[in-house]
Amino acid sequence: MRARGKVALVTGGSRRIGAAISRALAKAGYEVVLTYLASAREGKALAARIGGSAVSLDLSRPSTFGRFADRLVRKFGRLDLLVHNAAVFHRTPVGEISPATWDAVFAVNLRGPLLLTRALLPLLRKGRGDAGILFLGDANAFELWPGYLPYCLSKLAVPPLAAGLRKALPPDVRVGVVRPGLVLPPDRFPAKRWERLRASMAARRGIRTPEGVARAVLLFARAGSYNRRTDHRQGGVQ
């Protein structure tokens, strides 16, 4: 299926998993708008390769979301798929958690996606009733990694957030969650430690590649009906 004329927005879509999602959606026929914060060069280069657009967006600054939505209205006049991919994954041992570091994680991983969704709802509702909002959770957040506790707690809240929106928004907009497993390490995470961690959890089923996550995003995008549930019991779409 080709998504001719449809527009997809991928937050944090310039690198890592977000870049794989952006490429897959463009290949599927979407006009892709990807956002970036610190990776302007990567974002603009990727957008040029896939025939999309790259736009700066800081999810910790909700005061900018209205202007961002207006920009999309002027340029595209519609939005068919919103993929909440952007997240921060800072190492924050319990002894180093401060109000500022806690708020910084939740501002981007939870508050930002909710308020951006609110800002873009009028645009999503301009479609034909098959628009979708997809959140990226984390299949291993329940491990509550001691060095990443704020991140884990923020990601544990993503499925309930999606469930609440699923109740609040039908029949206008579909809502889903993709919960990847151990796909990519955090920045500056020791490579050997990462491989040991992946090996220790190899028996668990889960999406473990950026391309696998991108396929799950496409599966949701193509599902069509509001109540469609696709759960491969591997941190897939639901």
C-alpha atoms as a PDB file:
ATOM      1  CA  MET A   1       0.000   0.000   0.000  1.00  0.00           C
ATOM      2  CA  ARG A   2       1.277   3.452  -0.938  1.00  0.00           C
ATOM      3  CA  ALA A   3       0.352   6.399   1.260  1.00  0.00           C
ATOM      4  CA  ARG A   4       0.043   8.845  -1.615  1.00  0.00           C
ATOM      5  CA  GLY A   5      -0.533  12.408  -0.497  1.00  0.00           C
ATOM      6  CA  LYS A   6      -0.330  11.564   3.199  1.00  0.00           C
ATOM      7  CA  VAL A   7       1.862  13.443   5.660  1.00  0.00           C
ATOM      8  CA  ALA A   8       3.728  11.894   8.598  1.00  0.00           C
ATOM      9  CA  LEU A   9       5.521  13.706  11.405  1.00  0.00           C
ATOM     10  CA  VAL A  10       8.344  11.864  13.205  1.00  0.00           C
ATOM     11  CA  THR A  11       9.747  13.577  16.270  1.00  0.00           C
ATOM     12  CA  GLY A  12      13.453  12.974  16.686  1.00  0.00           C
ATOM     13  CA  GLY A  13      13.390  11.556  13.173  1.00  0.00           C
ATOM     14  CA  SER A  14      16.892  12.542  12.129  1.00  0.00           C
ATOM     15  CA  ARG A  15      18.959   9.773  13.699  1.00  0.00           C
ATOM     16  CA  ARG A  16      18.989   6.319  15.298  1.00  0.00           C
ATOM     17  CA  ILE A  17      15.532   4.682  15.417  1.00  0.00           C
ATOM     18  CA  GLY A  18      13.852   7.879  14.252  1.00  0.00           C
ATOM     19  CA  ALA A  19      15.887   7.905  11.042  1.00  0.00           C
ATOM     20  CA  ALA A  20      14.859   4.316  10.272  1.00  0.00           C
ATOM     21  CA  ILE A  21      11.210   5.273  10.794  1.00  0.00           C
ATOM     22  CA  SER A  22      11.562   8.353   8.582  1.00  0.00           C
ATOM     23  CA  ARG A  23      13.140   6.319   5.776  1.00  0.00           C
ATOM     24  CA  ALA A  24      10.495   3.591   5.963  1.00  0.00           C
ATOM     25  CA  LEU A  25       7.599   6.048   5.887  1.00  0.00           C
ATOM     26  CA  ALA A  26       9.089   7.921   2.946  1.00  0.00           C
ATOM     27  CA  LYS A  27       9.551   4.640   1.074  1.00  0.00           C
ATOM     28  CA  ALA A  28       5.900   3.834   1.805  1.00  0.00           C
ATOM     29  CA  GLY A  29       4.842   7.067   0.106  1.00  0.00           C
ATOM     30  CA  TYR A  30       4.430   9.466   3.015  1.00  0.00           C
ATOM     31  CA  GLU A  31       5.571  13.069   2.878  1.00  0.00           C
ATOM     32  CA  VAL A  32       7.786  12.947   5.964  1.00  0.00           C
ATOM     33  CA  VAL A  33       8.394  15.842   8.313  1.00  0.00           C
ATOM     34  CA  LEU A  34      11.123  14.941  10.781  1.00  0.00           C
ATOM     35  CA  THR A  35      12.085  17.024  13.769  1.00  0.00           C
ATOM     36  CA  TYR A  36      15.500  17.495  15.301  1.00  0.00           C
ATOM     37  CA  LEU A  37      17.018  19.420  18.174  1.00  0.00           C
ATOM     38  CA  ALA A  38      20.818  19.134  18.211  1.00  0.00           C
ATOM     39  CA  SER A  39      21.258  17.146  14.984  1.00  0.00           C
ATOM     40  CA  ALA A  40      20.407  19.774  12.373  1.00  0.00           C
ATOM     41  CA  ARG A  41      23.011  18.589   9.862  1.00  0.00           C
ATOM     42  CA  GLU A  42      21.864  14.961  10.061  1.00  0.00           C
ATOM     43  CA  GLY A  43      18.212  15.948   9.921  1.00  0.00           C
ATOM     44  CA  LYS A  44      18.530  18.161   6.875  1.00  0.00           C
ATOM     45  CA  ALA A  45      20.716  15.620   5.057  1.00  0.00           C
ATOM     46  CA  LEU A  46      18.244  12.808   5.708  1.00  0.00           C
ATOM     47  CA  ALA A  47      15.285  14.953   4.682  1.00  0.00           C
ATOM     48  CA  ALA A  48      17.031  15.762   1.403  1.00  0.00           C
ATOM     49  CA  ARG A  49      17.674  12.069   0.726  1.00  0.00           C
ATOM     50  CA  ILE A  50      14.083  10.982   1.347  1.00  0.00           C
ATOM     51  CA  GLY A  51      12.379  14.002  -0.191  1.00  0.00           C
ATOM     52  CA  GLY A  52      10.980  15.230   3.126  1.00  0.00           C
ATOM     53  CA  SER A  53      11.359  18.198   5.445  1.00  0.00           C
ATOM     54  CA  ALA A  54      13.448  18.727   8.571  1.00  0.00           C
ATOM     55  CA  VAL A  55      12.242  21.147  11.245  1.00  0.00           C
ATOM     56  CA  SER A  56      13.736  22.133  14.591  1.00  0.00           C
ATOM     57  CA  LEU A  57      11.502  21.342  17.573  1.00  0.00           C
ATOM     58  CA  ASP A  58      12.275  21.382  21.296  1.00  0.00           C
ATOM     59  CA  LEU A  59       9.759  19.149  23.087  1.00  0.00           C
ATOM     60  CA  SER A  60      10.663  20.757  26.413  1.00  0.00           C
ATOM     61  CA  ARG A  61       9.213  24.090  25.178  1.00  0.00           C
ATOM     62  CA  PRO A  62       5.464  23.632  24.709  1.00  0.00           C
ATOM     63  CA  SER A  63       5.030  27.371  24.158  1.00  0.00           C
ATOM     64  CA  THR A  64       6.422  26.795  20.635  1.00  0.00           C
ATOM     65  CA  PHE A  65       3.962  24.055  19.681  1.00  0.00           C
ATOM     66  CA  GLY A  66       1.253  26.411  18.444  1.00  0.00           C
ATOM     67  CA  ARG A  67       3.617  28.090  15.983  1.00  0.00           C
ATOM     68  CA  PHE A  68       4.909  24.691  14.910  1.00  0.00           C
ATOM     69  CA  ALA A  69       1.346  23.514  14.207  1.00  0.00           C
ATOM     70  CA  ASP A  70       0.604  26.689  12.241  1.00  0.00           C
ATOM     71  CA  ARG A  71       3.671  26.029  10.116  1.00  0.00           C
ATOM     72  CA  LEU A  72       2.421  22.543   9.254  1.00  0.00           C
ATOM     73  CA  VAL A  73      -1.024  23.910   8.422  1.00  0.00           C
ATOM     74  CA  ARG A  74       0.425  26.462   6.029  1.00  0.00           C
ATOM     75  CA  LYS A  75       2.744  24.030   4.305  1.00  0.00           C
ATOM     76  CA  PHE A  76       0.687  20.815   4.185  1.00  0.00           C
ATOM     77  CA  GLY A  77      -2.853  21.495   5.365  1.00  0.00           C
ATOM     78  CA  ARG A  78      -3.094  18.007   6.830  1.00  0.00           C
ATOM     79  CA  LEU A  79      -1.396  15.471   9.078  1.00  0.00           C
ATOM     80  CA  ASP A  80      -2.115  11.761   8.799  1.00  0.00           C
ATOM     81  CA  LEU A  81       0.408  10.167  11.155  1.00  0.00           C
ATOM     82  CA  LEU A  82       2.154  11.499  14.255  1.00  0.00           C
ATOM     83  CA  VAL A  83       5.011   9.325  15.544  1.00  0.00           C
ATOM     84  CA  HIS A  84       6.260  10.256  19.006  1.00  0.00           C
ATOM     85  CA  ASN A  85       9.783   8.872  18.736  1.00  0.00           C
ATOM     86  CA  ALA A  86      11.921  11.576  20.389  1.00  0.00           C
ATOM     87  CA  ALA A  87      13.106  10.839  23.926  1.00  0.00           C
ATOM     88  CA  VAL A  88      15.983  11.567  26.268  1.00  0.00           C
ATOM     89  CA  PHE A  89      17.852   8.711  27.919  1.00  0.00           C
ATOM     90  CA  HIS A  90      20.307  10.413  30.234  1.00  0.00           C
ATOM     91  CA  ARG A  91      22.139   8.377  32.848  1.00  0.00           C
ATOM     92  CA  THR A  92      20.787   9.609  36.168  1.00  0.00           C
ATOM     93  CA  PRO A  93      21.795   7.473  39.184  1.00  0.00           C
ATOM     94  CA  VAL A  94      19.441   7.942  42.118  1.00  0.00           C
ATOM     95  CA  GLY A  95      22.021   9.924  44.083  1.00  0.00           C
ATOM     96  CA  GLU A  96      22.330  12.399  41.209  1.00  0.00           C
ATOM     97  CA  ILE A  97      18.633  12.968  40.496  1.00  0.00           C
ATOM     98  CA  SER A  98      17.690  16.600  40.993  1.00  0.00           C
ATOM     99  CA  PRO A  99      14.408  18.404  40.304  1.00  0.00           C
ATOM    100  CA  ALA A 100      15.968  19.765  37.103  1.00  0.00           C
ATOM    101  CA  THR A 101      17.159  16.393  35.782  1.00  0.00           C
ATOM    102  CA  TRP A 102      13.834  14.743  36.659  1.00  0.00           C
ATOM    103  CA  ASP A 103      11.835  17.488  34.952  1.00  0.00           C
ATOM    104  CA  ALA A 104      14.099  17.418  31.895  1.00  0.00           C
ATOM    105  CA  VAL A 105      13.341  13.739  31.273  1.00  0.00           C
ATOM    106  CA  PHE A 106       9.592  13.947  31.846  1.00  0.00           C
ATOM    107  CA  ALA A 107       9.293  17.177  29.842  1.00  0.00           C
ATOM    108  CA  VAL A 108      10.533  15.456  26.687  1.00  0.00           C
ATOM    109  CA  ASN A 109       9.392  11.856  27.202  1.00  0.00           C
ATOM    110  CA  LEU A 110       5.865  12.457  28.522  1.00  0.00           C
ATOM    111  CA  ARG A 111       4.663  16.054  28.801  1.00  0.00           C
ATOM    112  CA  GLY A 112       5.964  17.072  25.389  1.00  0.00           C
ATOM    113  CA  PRO A 113       4.240  14.288  23.436  1.00  0.00           C
ATOM    114  CA  LEU A 114       0.922  14.937  25.188  1.00  0.00           C
ATOM    115  CA  LEU A 115       0.967  18.693  24.603  1.00  0.00           C
ATOM    116  CA  LEU A 116       2.232  18.335  21.043  1.00  0.00           C
ATOM    117  CA  THR A 117      -0.637  15.923  20.384  1.00  0.00           C
ATOM    118  CA  ARG A 118      -3.069  18.515  21.734  1.00  0.00           C
ATOM    119  CA  ALA A 119      -1.598  21.197  19.476  1.00  0.00           C
ATOM    120  CA  LEU A 120      -1.814  18.995  16.386  1.00  0.00           C
ATOM    121  CA  LEU A 121      -5.271  17.501  16.945  1.00  0.00           C
ATOM    122  CA  PRO A 122      -7.086  20.025  14.720  1.00  0.00           C
ATOM    123  CA  LEU A 123      -4.702  19.163  11.894  1.00  0.00           C
ATOM    124  CA  LEU A 124      -5.045  15.419  12.448  1.00  0.00           C
ATOM    125  CA  ARG A 125      -8.827  15.756  12.359  1.00  0.00           C
ATOM    126  CA  LYS A 126      -8.671  17.334   8.910  1.00  0.00           C
ATOM    127  CA  GLY A 127      -8.109  13.840   7.479  1.00  0.00           C
ATOM    128  CA  ARG A 128     -10.659  11.243   6.533  1.00  0.00           C
ATOM    129  CA  GLY A 129     -10.923   9.645   9.945  1.00  0.00           C
ATOM    130  CA  ASP A 130      -7.936   7.334   9.548  1.00  0.00           C
ATOM    131  CA  ALA A 131      -5.246   9.550  11.078  1.00  0.00           C
ATOM    132  CA  GLY A 132      -3.056   7.966  13.734  1.00  0.00           C
ATOM    133  CA  ILE A 133      -0.905   8.846  16.730  1.00  0.00           C
ATOM    134  CA  LEU A 134       1.808   6.363  17.645  1.00  0.00           C
ATOM    135  CA  PHE A 135       3.954   6.462  20.783  1.00  0.00           C
ATOM    136  CA  LEU A 136       7.271   4.667  21.247  1.00  0.00           C
ATOM    137  CA  GLY A 137       7.495   3.073  24.665  1.00  0.00           C
ATOM    138  CA  ASP A 138      10.120   0.680  25.972  1.00  0.00           C
ATOM    139  CA  ALA A 139       9.534  -3.042  26.468  1.00  0.00           C
ATOM    140  CA  ASN A 140      12.202  -3.157  29.193  1.00  0.00           C
ATOM    141  CA  ALA A 141      11.237  -0.074  31.192  1.00  0.00           C
ATOM    142  CA  PHE A 142       9.790  -2.339  33.887  1.00  0.00           C
ATOM    143  CA  GLU A 143      13.374  -3.389  34.700  1.00  0.00           C
ATOM    144  CA  LEU A 144      13.738   0.012  36.403  1.00  0.00           C
ATOM    145  CA  TRP A 145      17.441   0.266  35.597  1.00  0.00           C
ATOM    146  CA  PRO A 146      19.066   1.988  38.619  1.00  0.00           C
ATOM    147  CA  GLY A 147      21.093   4.371  36.456  1.00  0.00           C
ATOM    148  CA  TYR A 148      18.084   5.378  34.342  1.00  0.00           C
ATOM    149  CA  LEU A 149      15.168   5.480  36.782  1.00  0.00           C
ATOM    150  CA  PRO A 150      13.546   8.739  35.546  1.00  0.00           C
ATOM    151  CA  TYR A 151      13.701   7.444  31.976  1.00  0.00           C
ATOM    152  CA  CYS A 152      12.156   4.100  32.918  1.00  0.00           C
ATOM    153  CA  LEU A 153       9.339   5.711  34.887  1.00  0.00           C
ATOM    154  CA  SER A 154       8.581   8.118  32.050  1.00  0.00           C
ATOM    155  CA  LYS A 155       8.387   5.246  29.576  1.00  0.00           C
ATOM    156  CA  LEU A 156       6.204   3.154  31.886  1.00  0.00           C
ATOM    157  CA  ALA A 157       3.699   6.022  31.746  1.00  0.00           C
ATOM    158  CA  VAL A 158       3.525   6.014  27.935  1.00  0.00           C
ATOM    159  CA  PRO A 159       1.103   3.059  27.488  1.00  0.00           C
ATOM    160  CA  PRO A 160      -1.395   4.479  30.026  1.00  0.00           C
ATOM    161  CA  LEU A 161      -1.155   7.858  28.297  1.00  0.00           C
ATOM    162  CA  ALA A 162      -1.922   6.217  24.956  1.00  0.00           C
ATOM    163  CA  ALA A 163      -4.774   4.240  26.522  1.00  0.00           C
ATOM    164  CA  GLY A 164      -6.290   7.428  27.896  1.00  0.00           C
ATOM    165  CA  LEU A 165      -6.068   9.153  24.541  1.00  0.00           C
ATOM    166  CA  ARG A 166      -7.520   6.067  22.871  1.00  0.00           C
ATOM    167  CA  LYS A 167     -10.615   6.531  25.024  1.00  0.00           C
ATOM    168  CA  ALA A 168     -10.772  10.281  24.545  1.00  0.00           C
ATOM    169  CA  LEU A 169     -10.221  10.603  20.807  1.00  0.00           C
ATOM    170  CA  PRO A 170     -12.281   8.052  18.865  1.00  0.00           C
ATOM    171  CA  PRO A 171     -13.534   7.988  16.225  1.00  0.00           C
ATOM    172  CA  ASP A 172     -11.438  10.867  14.924  1.00  0.00           C
ATOM    173  CA  VAL A 173      -7.914   9.577  15.531  1.00  0.00           C
ATOM    174  CA  ARG A 174      -6.367   6.144  16.192  1.00  0.00           C
ATOM    175  CA  VAL A 175      -3.791   5.784  18.966  1.00  0.00           C
ATOM    176  CA  GLY A 176      -1.174   3.057  19.375  1.00  0.00           C
ATOM    177  CA  VAL A 177       2.085   2.145  21.095  1.00  0.00           C
ATOM    178  CA  VAL A 178       5.223   0.417  19.840  1.00  0.00           C
ATOM    179  CA  ARG A 179       7.437  -0.950  22.616  1.00  0.00           C
ATOM    180  CA  PRO A 180      10.928  -1.759  21.296  1.00  0.00           C
ATOM    181  CA  GLY A 181      13.322  -3.991  23.186  1.00  0.00           C
ATOM    182  CA  LEU A 182      17.083  -3.486  23.382  1.00  0.00           C
ATOM    183  CA  VAL A 183      17.551  -1.845  20.007  1.00  0.00           C
ATOM    184  CA  LEU A 184      20.360   0.707  20.423  1.00  0.00           C
ATOM    185  CA  PRO A 185      22.472   1.669  23.437  1.00  0.00           C
ATOM    186  CA  PRO A 186      22.285   5.125  24.984  1.00  0.00           C
ATOM    187  CA  ASP A 187      24.942   7.546  23.803  1.00  0.00           C
ATOM    188  CA  ARG A 188      28.343   6.816  25.346  1.00  0.00           C
ATOM    189  CA  PHE A 189      27.145   3.508  26.795  1.00  0.00           C
ATOM    190  CA  PRO A 190      30.106   1.059  26.920  1.00  0.00           C
ATOM    191  CA  ALA A 191      29.933  -1.210  23.856  1.00  0.00           C
ATOM    192  CA  LYS A 192      31.068  -4.383  25.613  1.00  0.00           C
ATOM    193  CA  ARG A 193      28.606  -3.851  28.452  1.00  0.00           C
ATOM    194  CA  TRP A 194      25.814  -3.350  25.908  1.00  0.00           C
ATOM    195  CA  GLU A 195      26.621  -6.608  24.135  1.00  0.00           C
ATOM    196  CA  ARG A 196      26.668  -8.473  27.460  1.00  0.00           C
ATOM    197  CA  LEU A 197      23.303  -6.985  28.339  1.00  0.00           C
ATOM    198  CA  ARG A 198      21.784  -7.972  25.005  1.00  0.00           C
ATOM    199  CA  ALA A 199      23.197 -11.472  25.322  1.00  0.00           C
ATOM    200  CA  SER A 200      21.794 -11.872  28.841  1.00  0.00           C
ATOM    201  CA  MET A 201      18.328 -10.944  27.573  1.00  0.00           C
ATOM    202  CA  ALA A 202      18.507 -12.782  24.256  1.00  0.00           C
ATOM    203  CA  ALA A 203      15.812 -15.244  25.312  1.00  0.00           C
ATOM    204  CA  ARG A 204      13.254 -12.472  25.554  1.00  0.00           C
ATOM    205  CA  ARG A 205      11.311 -11.751  22.425  1.00  0.00           C
ATOM    206  CA  GLY A 206      11.313  -8.161  21.323  1.00  0.00           C
ATOM    207  CA  ILE A 207      12.004  -5.767  18.487  1.00  0.00           C
ATOM    208  CA  ARG A 208      15.781  -5.440  18.508  1.00  0.00           C
ATOM    209  CA  THR A 209      16.626  -3.472  15.341  1.00  0.00           C
ATOM    210  CA  PRO A 210      15.716   0.034  14.111  1.00  0.00           C
ATOM    211  CA  GLU A 211      14.305  -1.544  10.951  1.00  0.00           C
ATOM    212  CA  GLY A 212      12.079  -3.799  13.058  1.00  0.00           C
ATOM    213  CA  VAL A 213      10.672  -0.778  14.869  1.00  0.00           C
ATOM    214  CA  ALA A 214      10.069   0.942  11.535  1.00  0.00           C
ATOM    215  CA  ARG A 215       8.131  -2.106  10.290  1.00  0.00           C
ATOM    216  CA  ALA A 216       5.964  -1.976  13.416  1.00  0.00           C
ATOM    217  CA  VAL A 217       5.241   1.703  12.733  1.00  0.00           C
ATOM    218  CA  LEU A 218       4.171   0.861   9.186  1.00  0.00           C
ATOM    219  CA  LEU A 219       1.968  -1.933  10.496  1.00  0.00           C
ATOM    220  CA  PHE A 220       0.110   0.556  12.677  1.00  0.00           C
ATOM    221  CA  ALA A 221      -0.086   3.123   9.895  1.00  0.00           C
ATOM    222  CA  ARG A 222      -1.698   0.601   7.570  1.00  0.00           C
ATOM    223  CA  ALA A 223      -4.074  -0.954  10.120  1.00  0.00           C
ATOM    224  CA  GLY A 224      -6.897   1.354   9.113  1.00  0.00           C
ATOM    225  CA  SER A 225      -9.516   0.770  11.805  1.00  0.00           C
ATOM    226  CA  TYR A 226      -9.540   2.456  15.206  1.00  0.00           C
ATOM    227  CA  ASN A 227      -9.808  -0.627  17.383  1.00  0.00           C
ATOM    228  CA  ARG A 228      -7.348  -2.751  15.428  1.00  0.00           C
ATOM    229  CA  ARG A 229      -4.880  -4.387  17.828  1.00  0.00           C
ATOM    230  CA  THR A 230      -1.673  -5.956  16.581  1.00  0.00           C
ATOM    231  CA  ASP A 231       0.493  -7.397  19.310  1.00  0.00           C
ATOM    232  CA  HIS A 232       3.188  -9.900  18.385  1.00  0.00           C
ATOM    233  CA  ARG A 233       4.099 -10.332  22.063  1.00  0.00           C
ATOM    234  CA  GLN A 234       7.457  -8.879  21.237  1.00  0.00           C
ATOM    235  CA  GLY A 235       7.007  -5.274  22.247  1.00  0.00           C
ATOM    236  CA  GLY A 236       5.028  -4.728  19.068  1.00  0.00           C
ATOM    237  CA  VAL A 237       2.068  -2.549  18.208  1.00  0.00           C
ATOM    238  CA  GLN A 238      -1.015  -2.332  20.360  1.00  0.00           C
END
